[in-house]
PDB file of all heavy atoms in Angstrom:
ATOM      1  N   GLY A   1      42.036  -2.185  41.587  1.00  0.00           N
ATOM      2  CA  GLY A   1      41.943  -1.761  40.226  1.00  0.00           C
ATOM      3  C   GLY A   1      41.230  -2.786  39.351  1.00  0.00           C
ATOM      4  O   GLY A   1      40.439  -2.493  38.441  1.00  0.00           O
ATOM      5  N   ALA A   2      41.592  -4.103  39.630  1.00  0.00           N
ATOM      6  CA  ALA A   2      40.926  -5.186  38.842  1.00  0.00           C
ATOM      7  C   ALA A   2      39.446  -5.186  39.077  1.00  0.00           C
ATOM      8  O   ALA A   2      38.689  -5.415  38.191  1.00  0.00           O
ATOM      9  CB  ALA A   2      41.584  -6.540  39.238  1.00  0.00           C
ATOM     10  N   LEU A   3      39.002  -4.956  40.330  1.00  0.00           N
ATOM     11  CA  LEU A   3      37.597  -4.972  40.708  1.00  0.00           C
ATOM     12  C   LEU A   3      36.900  -3.795  39.953  1.00  0.00           C
ATOM     13  O   LEU A   3      35.799  -3.962  39.492  1.00  0.00           O
ATOM     14  CB  LEU A   3      37.393  -4.914  42.184  1.00  0.00           C
ATOM     15  CG  LEU A   3      37.797  -6.188  42.950  1.00  0.00           C
ATOM     16  CD1 LEU A   3      37.629  -5.917  44.492  1.00  0.00           C
ATOM     17  CD2 LEU A   3      36.859  -7.353  42.541  1.00  0.00           C
ATOM     18  N   LEU A   4      37.598  -2.640  39.992  1.00  0.00           N
ATOM     19  CA  LEU A   4      36.973  -1.479  39.364  1.00  0.00           C
ATOM     20  C   LEU A   4      36.828  -1.716  37.840  1.00  0.00           C
ATOM     21  O   LEU A   4      35.906  -1.341  37.202  1.00  0.00           O
ATOM     22  CB  LEU A   4      37.848  -0.238  39.608  1.00  0.00           C
ATOM     23  CG  LEU A   4      37.784   0.303  41.001  1.00  0.00           C
ATOM     24  CD1 LEU A   4      38.823   1.410  41.201  1.00  0.00           C
ATOM     25  CD2 LEU A   4      36.387   0.822  41.355  1.00  0.00           C
ATOM     26  N   ALA A   5      37.880  -2.364  37.279  1.00  0.00           N
ATOM     27  CA  ALA A   5      37.859  -2.563  35.863  1.00  0.00           C
ATOM     28  C   ALA A   5      36.685  -3.546  35.505  1.00  0.00           C
ATOM     29  O   ALA A   5      36.179  -3.538  34.326  1.00  0.00           O
ATOM     30  CB  ALA A   5      39.191  -3.226  35.437  1.00  0.00           C
ATOM     31  N   GLN A   6      36.316  -4.391  36.406  1.00  0.00           N
ATOM     32  CA  GLN A   6      35.277  -5.414  36.113  1.00  0.00           C
ATOM     33  C   GLN A   6      33.885  -4.782  36.332  1.00  0.00           C
ATOM     34  O   GLN A   6      32.886  -5.384  35.810  1.00  0.00           O
ATOM     35  CB  GLN A   6      35.426  -6.648  37.034  1.00  0.00           C
ATOM     36  CG  GLN A   6      36.656  -7.429  36.759  1.00  0.00           C
ATOM     37  CD  GLN A   6      36.891  -8.463  37.794  1.00  0.00           C
ATOM     38  OE1 GLN A   6      35.960  -8.800  38.616  1.00  0.00           O
ATOM     39  NE2 GLN A   6      38.094  -9.133  37.808  1.00  0.00           N
ATOM     40  N   ALA A   7      33.773  -3.683  36.974  1.00  0.00           N
ATOM     41  CA  ALA A   7      32.481  -3.042  37.245  1.00  0.00           C
ATOM     42  C   ALA A   7      31.889  -2.456  35.934  1.00  0.00           C
ATOM     43  O   ALA A   7      32.658  -1.886  35.232  1.00  0.00           O
ATOM     44  CB  ALA A   7      32.600  -1.956  38.291  1.00  0.00           C
ATOM     45  N   PRO A   8      30.692  -2.656  35.668  1.00  0.00           N
ATOM     46  CA  PRO A   8      30.083  -2.149  34.437  1.00  0.00           C
ATOM     47  C   PRO A   8      30.157  -0.613  34.399  1.00  0.00           C
ATOM     48  O   PRO A   8      29.955   0.017  35.419  1.00  0.00           O
ATOM     49  CB  PRO A   8      28.621  -2.621  34.477  1.00  0.00           C
ATOM     50  CG  PRO A   8      28.505  -3.535  35.606  1.00  0.00           C
ATOM     51  CD  PRO A   8      29.665  -3.382  36.466  1.00  0.00           C
ATOM     52  N   VAL A   9      30.450  -0.096  33.245  1.00  0.00           N
ATOM     53  CA  VAL A   9      30.493   1.366  33.093  1.00  0.00           C
ATOM     54  C   VAL A   9      29.127   1.915  33.342  1.00  0.00           C
ATOM     55  O   VAL A   9      28.171   1.492  32.805  1.00  0.00           O
ATOM     56  CB  VAL A   9      30.974   1.746  31.706  1.00  0.00           C
ATOM     57  CG1 VAL A   9      31.012   3.232  31.516  1.00  0.00           C
ATOM     58  CG2 VAL A   9      32.429   1.282  31.543  1.00  0.00           C
ATOM     59  N   GLY A  10      29.014   2.922  34.208  1.00  0.00           N
ATOM     60  CA  GLY A  10      27.686   3.596  34.439  1.00  0.00           C
ATOM     61  C   GLY A  10      26.878   2.857  35.476  1.00  0.00           C
ATOM     62  O   GLY A  10      25.691   3.265  35.626  1.00  0.00           O
ATOM     63  N   ALA A  11      27.424   1.757  36.062  1.00  0.00           N
ATOM     64  CA  ALA A  11      26.634   1.052  37.050  1.00  0.00           C
ATOM     65  C   ALA A  11      26.287   1.946  38.259  1.00  0.00           C
ATOM     66  O   ALA A  11      27.136   2.721  38.673  1.00  0.00           O
ATOM     67  CB  ALA A  11      27.329  -0.264  37.438  1.00  0.00           C
ATOM     68  N   ARG A  12      25.151   1.745  38.835  1.00  0.00           N
ATOM     69  CA  ARG A  12      24.747   2.570  39.967  1.00  0.00           C
ATOM     70  C   ARG A  12      24.454   1.614  41.164  1.00  0.00           C
ATOM     71  O   ARG A  12      24.003   0.527  40.951  1.00  0.00           O
ATOM     72  CB  ARG A  12      23.467   3.370  39.753  1.00  0.00           C
ATOM     73  CG  ARG A  12      23.660   4.418  38.634  1.00  0.00           C
ATOM     74  CD  ARG A  12      22.383   5.231  38.479  1.00  0.00           C
ATOM     75  NE  ARG A  12      22.511   6.257  37.410  1.00  0.00           N
ATOM     76  CZ  ARG A  12      21.488   7.023  37.034  1.00  0.00           C
ATOM     77  NH1 ARG A  12      20.318   6.913  37.595  1.00  0.00           N
ATOM     78  NH2 ARG A  12      21.650   7.968  36.130  1.00  0.00           N
ATOM     79  N   ALA A  13      24.766   2.142  42.341  1.00  0.00           N
ATOM     80  CA  ALA A  13      24.363   1.395  43.518  1.00  0.00           C
ATOM     81  C   ALA A  13      22.908   1.216  43.620  1.00  0.00           C
ATOM     82  O   ALA A  13      22.110   2.132  43.198  1.00  0.00           O
ATOM     83  CB  ALA A  13      24.893   2.079  44.781  1.00  0.00           C
ATOM     84  N   PRO A  14      22.374   0.085  44.062  1.00  0.00           N
ATOM     85  CA  PRO A  14      20.963  -0.076  44.225  1.00  0.00           C
ATOM     86  C   PRO A  14      20.364   0.974  45.129  1.00  0.00           C
ATOM     87  O   PRO A  14      20.887   1.362  46.183  1.00  0.00           O
ATOM     88  CB  PRO A  14      20.822  -1.507  44.745  1.00  0.00           C
ATOM     89  CG  PRO A  14      22.108  -1.848  45.339  1.00  0.00           C
ATOM     90  CD  PRO A  14      23.170  -1.087  44.590  1.00  0.00           C
ATOM     91  N   LYS A  15      19.140   1.459  44.764  1.00  0.00           N
ATOM     92  CA  LYS A  15      18.431   2.448  45.602  1.00  0.00           C
ATOM     93  C   LYS A  15      17.940   1.771  46.837  1.00  0.00           C
ATOM     94  O   LYS A  15      17.561   0.676  46.902  1.00  0.00           O
ATOM     95  CB  LYS A  15      17.308   3.073  44.759  1.00  0.00           C
ATOM     96  CG  LYS A  15      17.715   3.883  43.553  1.00  0.00           C
ATOM     97  CD  LYS A  15      16.508   4.370  42.792  1.00  0.00           C
ATOM     98  CE  LYS A  15      15.702   5.335  43.622  1.00  0.00           C
ATOM     99  NZ  LYS A  15      14.609   5.934  42.863  1.00  0.00           N
ATOM    100  N   ALA A  16      17.963   2.663  47.852  1.00  0.00           N
ATOM    101  CA  ALA A  16      17.425   2.185  49.149  1.00  0.00           C
ATOM    102  C   ALA A  16      15.889   1.980  48.979  1.00  0.00           C
ATOM    103  O   ALA A  16      15.226   2.721  48.288  1.00  0.00           O
ATOM    104  CB  ALA A  16      17.722   3.211  50.219  1.00  0.00           C
ATOM    105  N   PRO A  17      15.371   0.968  49.626  1.00  0.00           N
ATOM    106  CA  PRO A  17      13.916   0.757  49.546  1.00  0.00           C
ATOM    107  C   PRO A  17      13.182   1.881  50.203  1.00  0.00           C
ATOM    108  O   PRO A  17      13.694   2.586  51.056  1.00  0.00           O
ATOM    109  CB  PRO A  17      13.669  -0.561  50.268  1.00  0.00           C
ATOM    110  CG  PRO A  17      14.906  -0.654  51.156  1.00  0.00           C
ATOM    111  CD  PRO A  17      16.003  -0.030  50.539  1.00  0.00           C
ATOM    112  N   PRO A  18      11.967   2.168  49.719  1.00  0.00           N
ATOM    113  CA  PRO A  18      11.178   3.262  50.343  1.00  0.00           C
ATOM    114  C   PRO A  18      10.861   2.946  51.827  1.00  0.00           C
ATOM    115  O   PRO A  18      10.656   1.747  52.160  1.00  0.00           O
ATOM    116  CB  PRO A  18       9.926   3.339  49.533  1.00  0.00           C
ATOM    117  CG  PRO A  18       9.742   2.013  48.875  1.00  0.00           C
ATOM    118  CD  PRO A  18      11.153   1.492  48.672  1.00  0.00           C
ATOM    119  N   PRO A  19      10.766   3.946  52.605  1.00  0.00           N
ATOM    120  CA  PRO A  19      10.442   3.673  54.083  1.00  0.00           C
ATOM    121  C   PRO A  19       9.004   3.171  54.206  1.00  0.00           C
ATOM    122  O   PRO A  19       8.122   3.527  53.411  1.00  0.00           O
ATOM    123  CB  PRO A  19      10.610   5.118  54.711  1.00  0.00           C
ATOM    124  CG  PRO A  19      10.364   6.051  53.594  1.00  0.00           C
ATOM    125  CD  PRO A  19      10.891   5.355  52.341  1.00  0.00           C
ATOM    126  N   ALA A  20       8.749   2.419  55.237  1.00  0.00           N
ATOM    127  CA  ALA A  20       7.379   1.946  55.545  1.00  0.00           C
ATOM    128  C   ALA A  20       6.597   3.117  56.065  1.00  0.00           C
ATOM    129  O   ALA A  20       7.051   4.088  56.602  1.00  0.00           O
ATOM    130  CB  ALA A  20       7.464   0.883  56.606  1.00  0.00           C
ATOM    131  N   ALA A  21       5.258   2.968  55.900  1.00  0.00           N
ATOM    132  CA  ALA A  21       4.323   4.061  56.251  1.00  0.00           C
ATOM    133  C   ALA A  21       4.448   4.376  57.687  1.00  0.00           C
ATOM    134  O   ALA A  21       4.351   5.615  58.105  1.00  0.00           O
ATOM    135  CB  ALA A  21       2.923   3.610  55.885  1.00  0.00           C
ATOM    136  N   GLU A  22       4.610   3.369  58.579  1.00  0.00           N
ATOM    137  CA  GLU A  22       4.646   3.643  59.964  1.00  0.00           C
ATOM    138  C   GLU A  22       5.908   4.445  60.378  1.00  0.00           C
ATOM    139  O   GLU A  22       5.987   5.119  61.412  1.00  0.00           O
ATOM    140  CB  GLU A  22       4.554   2.432  60.794  1.00  0.00           C
ATOM    141  CG  GLU A  22       5.553   1.303  60.383  1.00  0.00           C
ATOM    142  CD  GLU A  22       5.001   0.276  59.379  1.00  0.00           C
ATOM    143  OE1 GLU A  22       4.104   0.721  58.590  1.00  0.00           O
ATOM    144  OE2 GLU A  22       5.449  -0.838  59.401  1.00  0.00           O
ATOM    145  N   VAL A  23       6.947   4.424  59.533  1.00  0.00           N
ATOM    146  CA  VAL A  23       8.160   5.142  59.726  1.00  0.00           C
ATOM    147  C   VAL A  23       8.038   6.559  59.166  1.00  0.00           C
ATOM    148  O   VAL A  23       8.336   7.621  59.834  1.00  0.00           O
ATOM    149  CB  VAL A  23       9.388   4.425  59.163  1.00  0.00           C
ATOM    150  CG1 VAL A  23      10.652   5.279  59.285  1.00  0.00           C
ATOM    151  CG2 VAL A  23       9.624   3.101  59.815  1.00  0.00           C
ATOM    152  N   ALA A  24       7.607   6.640  57.904  1.00  0.00           N
ATOM    153  CA  ALA A  24       7.503   7.941  57.253  1.00  0.00           C
ATOM    154  C   ALA A  24       6.341   8.780  57.811  1.00  0.00           C
ATOM    155  O   ALA A  24       6.424  10.010  57.880  1.00  0.00           O
ATOM    156  CB  ALA A  24       7.237   7.704  55.743  1.00  0.00           C
ATOM    157  N   TRP A  25       5.246   8.124  58.186  1.00  0.00           N
ATOM    158  CA  TRP A  25       4.128   8.774  58.764  1.00  0.00           C
ATOM    159  C   TRP A  25       3.721   8.192  60.127  1.00  0.00           C
ATOM    160  O   TRP A  25       2.717   7.475  60.252  1.00  0.00           O
ATOM    161  CB  TRP A  25       2.899   8.653  57.821  1.00  0.00           C
ATOM    162  CG  TRP A  25       3.193   9.085  56.383  1.00  0.00           C
ATOM    163  CD1 TRP A  25       3.898  10.158  55.969  1.00  0.00           C
ATOM    164  CD2 TRP A  25       2.624   8.526  55.146  1.00  0.00           C
ATOM    165  NE1 TRP A  25       3.893  10.311  54.591  1.00  0.00           N
ATOM    166  CE2 TRP A  25       3.146   9.303  54.035  1.00  0.00           C
ATOM    167  CE3 TRP A  25       1.821   7.471  54.953  1.00  0.00           C
ATOM    168  CZ2 TRP A  25       2.807   9.038  52.770  1.00  0.00           C
ATOM    169  CZ3 TRP A  25       1.470   7.145  53.596  1.00  0.00           C
ATOM    170  CH2 TRP A  25       1.943   7.895  52.542  1.00  0.00           C
ATOM    171  N   PRO A  26       4.478   8.481  61.139  1.00  0.00           N
ATOM    172  CA  PRO A  26       4.216   7.842  62.418  1.00  0.00           C
ATOM    173  C   PRO A  26       2.834   8.085  63.046  1.00  0.00           C
ATOM    174  O   PRO A  26       2.311   7.294  63.814  1.00  0.00           O
ATOM    175  CB  PRO A  26       5.358   8.387  63.322  1.00  0.00           C
ATOM    176  CG  PRO A  26       5.830   9.627  62.625  1.00  0.00           C
ATOM    177  CD  PRO A  26       5.614   9.397  61.210  1.00  0.00           C
ATOM    178  N   GLY A  27       2.220   9.199  62.650  1.00  0.00           N
ATOM    179  CA  GLY A  27       0.910   9.550  63.296  1.00  0.00           C
ATOM    180  C   GLY A  27      -0.231   9.190  62.371  1.00  0.00           C
ATOM    181  O   GLY A  27      -1.389   9.497  62.734  1.00  0.00           O
ATOM    182  N   VAL A  28      -0.064   8.493  61.247  1.00  0.00           N
ATOM    183  CA  VAL A  28      -1.188   8.144  60.345  1.00  0.00           C
ATOM    184  C   VAL A  28      -2.123   7.186  61.023  1.00  0.00           C
ATOM    185  O   VAL A  28      -1.676   6.216  61.739  1.00  0.00           O
ATOM    186  CB  VAL A  28      -0.607   7.582  59.040  1.00  0.00           C
ATOM    187  CG1 VAL A  28      -0.064   6.239  59.162  1.00  0.00           C
ATOM    188  CG2 VAL A  28      -1.690   7.662  57.935  1.00  0.00           C
ATOM    189  N   ALA A  29      -3.417   7.352  60.785  1.00  0.00           N
ATOM    190  CA  ALA A  29      -4.455   6.481  61.369  1.00  0.00           C
ATOM    191  C   ALA A  29      -4.599   5.297  60.480  1.00  0.00           C
ATOM    192  O   ALA A  29      -4.842   5.385  59.261  1.00  0.00           O
ATOM    193  CB  ALA A  29      -5.758   7.231  61.507  1.00  0.00           C
ATOM    194  N   ARG A  30      -4.560   4.107  61.089  1.00  0.00           N
ATOM    195  CA  ARG A  30      -4.780   2.802  60.383  1.00  0.00           C
ATOM    196  C   ARG A  30      -5.816   2.003  61.027  1.00  0.00           C
ATOM    197  O   ARG A  30      -6.151   2.240  62.235  1.00  0.00           O
ATOM    198  CB  ARG A  30      -3.417   2.029  60.362  1.00  0.00           C
ATOM    199  CG  ARG A  30      -2.277   2.738  59.734  1.00  0.00           C
ATOM    200  CD  ARG A  30      -1.052   1.907  59.540  1.00  0.00           C
ATOM    201  NE  ARG A  30      -1.252   0.946  58.448  1.00  0.00           N
ATOM    202  CZ  ARG A  30      -0.277   0.497  57.682  1.00  0.00           C
ATOM    203  NH1 ARG A  30       0.929   1.033  57.804  1.00  0.00           N
ATOM    204  NH2 ARG A  30      -0.518  -0.402  56.765  1.00  0.00           N
ATOM    205  N   GLY A  31      -6.412   1.078  60.341  1.00  0.00           N
ATOM    206  CA  GLY A  31      -7.425   0.230  60.896  1.00  0.00           C
ATOM    207  C   GLY A  31      -7.504  -1.056  60.119  1.00  0.00           C
ATOM    208  O   GLY A  31      -6.821  -1.278  59.110  1.00  0.00           O
ATOM    209  N   GLY A  32      -8.398  -1.942  60.590  1.00  0.00           N
ATOM    210  CA  GLY A  32      -8.594  -3.219  59.923  1.00  0.00           C
ATOM    211  C   GLY A  32      -9.893  -3.833  60.324  1.00  0.00           C
ATOM    212  O   GLY A  32     -10.476  -3.468  61.369  1.00  0.00           O
ATOM    213  N   LEU A  33     -10.398  -4.685  59.508  1.00  0.00           N
ATOM    214  CA  LEU A  33     -11.617  -5.484  59.798  1.00  0.00           C
ATOM    215  C   LEU A  33     -11.677  -6.789  59.050  1.00  0.00           C
ATOM    216  O   LEU A  33     -11.021  -6.865  57.984  1.00  0.00           O
ATOM    217  CB  LEU A  33     -12.913  -4.601  59.439  1.00  0.00           C
ATOM    218  CG  LEU A  33     -13.119  -4.328  57.934  1.00  0.00           C
ATOM    219  CD1 LEU A  33     -14.599  -4.000  57.729  1.00  0.00           C
ATOM    220  CD2 LEU A  33     -12.338  -3.078  57.493  1.00  0.00           C
ATOM    221  N   PRO A  34     -12.287  -7.788  59.575  1.00  0.00           N
ATOM    222  CA  PRO A  34     -12.378  -9.109  58.927  1.00  0.00           C
ATOM    223  C   PRO A  34     -13.157  -9.001  57.617  1.00  0.00           C
ATOM    224  O   PRO A  34     -13.996  -8.185  57.460  1.00  0.00           O
ATOM    225  CB  PRO A  34     -12.989 -10.003  59.928  1.00  0.00           C
ATOM    226  CG  PRO A  34     -13.759  -9.083  60.883  1.00  0.00           C
ATOM    227  CD  PRO A  34     -13.010  -7.786  60.886  1.00  0.00           C
ATOM    228  N   GLY A  35     -12.802  -9.914  56.717  1.00  0.00           N
ATOM    229  CA  GLY A  35     -13.509  -9.986  55.452  1.00  0.00           C
ATOM    230  C   GLY A  35     -14.761 -10.758  55.409  1.00  0.00           C
ATOM    231  O   GLY A  35     -15.279 -10.998  54.362  1.00  0.00           O
ATOM    232  N   THR A  36     -15.277 -11.094  56.635  1.00  0.00           N
ATOM    233  CA  THR A  36     -16.577 -11.735  56.679  1.00  0.00           C
ATOM    234  C   THR A  36     -17.379 -11.044  57.768  1.00  0.00           C
ATOM    235  O   THR A  36     -16.854 -10.505  58.763  1.00  0.00           O
ATOM    236  CB  THR A  36     -16.403 -13.250  57.043  1.00  0.00           C
ATOM    237  OG1 THR A  36     -15.646 -13.398  58.243  1.00  0.00           O
ATOM    238  CG2 THR A  36     -15.735 -14.005  55.914  1.00  0.00           C
ATOM    239  N   LEU A  37     -18.725 -11.122  57.563  1.00  0.00           N
ATOM    240  CA  LEU A  37     -19.612 -10.679  58.621  1.00  0.00           C
ATOM    241  C   LEU A  37     -19.856 -11.743  59.652  1.00  0.00           C
ATOM    242  O   LEU A  37     -19.316 -12.857  59.593  1.00  0.00           O
ATOM    243  CB  LEU A  37     -20.991 -10.261  58.023  1.00  0.00           C
ATOM    244  CG  LEU A  37     -20.952  -9.252  56.875  1.00  0.00           C
ATOM    245  CD1 LEU A  37     -22.352  -9.035  56.372  1.00  0.00           C
ATOM    246  CD2 LEU A  37     -20.277  -7.942  57.329  1.00  0.00           C
ATOM    247  N   ALA A  38     -20.520 -11.377  60.790  1.00  0.00           N
ATOM    248  CA  ALA A  38     -20.747 -12.307  61.847  1.00  0.00           C
ATOM    249  C   ALA A  38     -21.480 -13.516  61.430  1.00  0.00           C
ATOM    250  O   ALA A  38     -21.321 -14.649  61.939  1.00  0.00           O
ATOM    251  CB  ALA A  38     -21.504 -11.668  62.976  1.00  0.00           C
ATOM    252  N   ASP A  39     -22.297 -13.399  60.291  1.00  0.00           N
ATOM    253  CA  ASP A  39     -23.032 -14.586  59.828  1.00  0.00           C
ATOM    254  C   ASP A  39     -22.175 -15.428  58.911  1.00  0.00           C
ATOM    255  O   ASP A  39     -22.684 -16.398  58.243  1.00  0.00           O
ATOM    256  CB  ASP A  39     -24.314 -14.179  59.136  1.00  0.00           C
ATOM    257  CG  ASP A  39     -24.112 -13.232  57.953  1.00  0.00           C
ATOM    258  OD1 ASP A  39     -23.011 -13.130  57.476  1.00  0.00           O
ATOM    259  OD2 ASP A  39     -25.163 -12.596  57.517  1.00  0.00           O
ATOM    260  N   GLY A  40     -20.895 -15.081  58.661  1.00  0.00           N
ATOM    261  CA  GLY A  40     -20.001 -15.789  57.770  1.00  0.00           C
ATOM    262  C   GLY A  40     -20.028 -15.389  56.362  1.00  0.00           C
ATOM    263  O   GLY A  40     -19.255 -15.860  55.553  1.00  0.00           O
TER     264      GLY A  40
END
């Protein structure tokens, strides 16, 4: 009861973080490339 009394009125549990793209969209196509050309 003491702990409940100390909790702020209207406080909410923190929201779960959003899922990562590879979890939410397992089939999504991803790619990558270096930020420089072969000549540097």
